[in-house]
Amino acid sequence: NAHNFPLDLASIEAQYTNG
């Protein structure tokens, strides 16, 4: 997942809040 476009905000946010 390239963190450059808000396309996978759900996935990115999930990864960031994976803890």
N, C-alpha and C. Protein backbone atom coordinates (compact mmCIF):
# COMPACT_ATOMS: atom_id res chain seq x y z
N ASN A 1 0.84 -1.21 0.00
CA ASN A 1 0.00 0.00 0.00
C ASN A 1 0.87 1.25 0.00
N ALA A 2 0.83 1.98 -1.08
CA ALA A 2 1.61 3.21 -1.17
C ALA A 2 0.88 4.33 -0.43
N HIS A 3 1.50 4.87 0.60
CA HIS A 3 0.85 5.91 1.39
C HIS A 3 1.01 7.26 0.69
N ASN A 4 0.36 7.39 -0.45
CA ASN A 4 0.45 8.66 -1.18
C ASN A 4 -0.92 9.14 -1.61
N PHE A 5 -1.88 8.24 -1.69
CA PHE A 5 -3.24 8.63 -2.06
C PHE A 5 -4.23 8.07 -1.06
N PRO A 6 -5.22 8.87 -0.70
CA PRO A 6 -6.23 8.45 0.29
C PRO A 6 -7.21 7.44 -0.28
N LEU A 7 -6.68 6.45 -0.97
CA LEU A 7 -7.55 5.43 -1.57
C LEU A 7 -7.76 4.30 -0.58
N ASP A 8 -6.69 3.98 0.16
CA ASP A 8 -6.79 2.89 1.13
C ASP A 8 -6.71 3.46 2.54
N LEU A 9 -7.45 4.54 2.76
CA LEU A 9 -7.42 5.17 4.08
C LEU A 9 -7.78 4.15 5.15
N ALA A 10 -8.76 3.33 4.85
CA ALA A 10 -9.18 2.32 5.82
C ALA A 10 -8.02 1.40 6.15
N SER A 11 -7.37 0.89 5.11
CA SER A 11 -6.26 -0.05 5.31
C SER A 11 -5.10 0.66 6.00
N ILE A 12 -4.78 1.86 5.53
CA ILE A 12 -3.67 2.61 6.12
C ILE A 12 -3.96 2.91 7.58
N GLU A 13 -5.16 3.40 7.83
CA GLU A 13 -5.52 3.72 9.21
C GLU A 13 -5.47 2.46 10.06
N ALA A 14 -5.94 1.36 9.51
CA ALA A 14 -5.93 0.09 10.23
C ALA A 14 -4.50 -0.31 10.56
N GLN A 15 -3.59 -0.10 9.59
CA GLN A 15 -2.20 -0.46 9.80
C GLN A 15 -1.57 0.44 10.86
N TYR A 16 -1.91 1.74 10.79
CA TYR A 16 -1.36 2.68 11.77
C TYR A 16 -1.87 2.36 13.17
N THR A 17 -3.14 1.97 13.24
CA THR A 17 -3.73 1.64 14.53
C THR A 17 -3.80 0.13 14.69
N ASN A 18 -2.72 -0.53 14.30
CA ASN A 18 -2.69 -1.99 14.36
C ASN A 18 -2.39 -2.44 15.79
N GLY A 19 -1.89 -1.51 16.61
CA GLY A 19 -1.53 -1.85 17.96
C GLY A 19 -2.74 -1.85 18.87
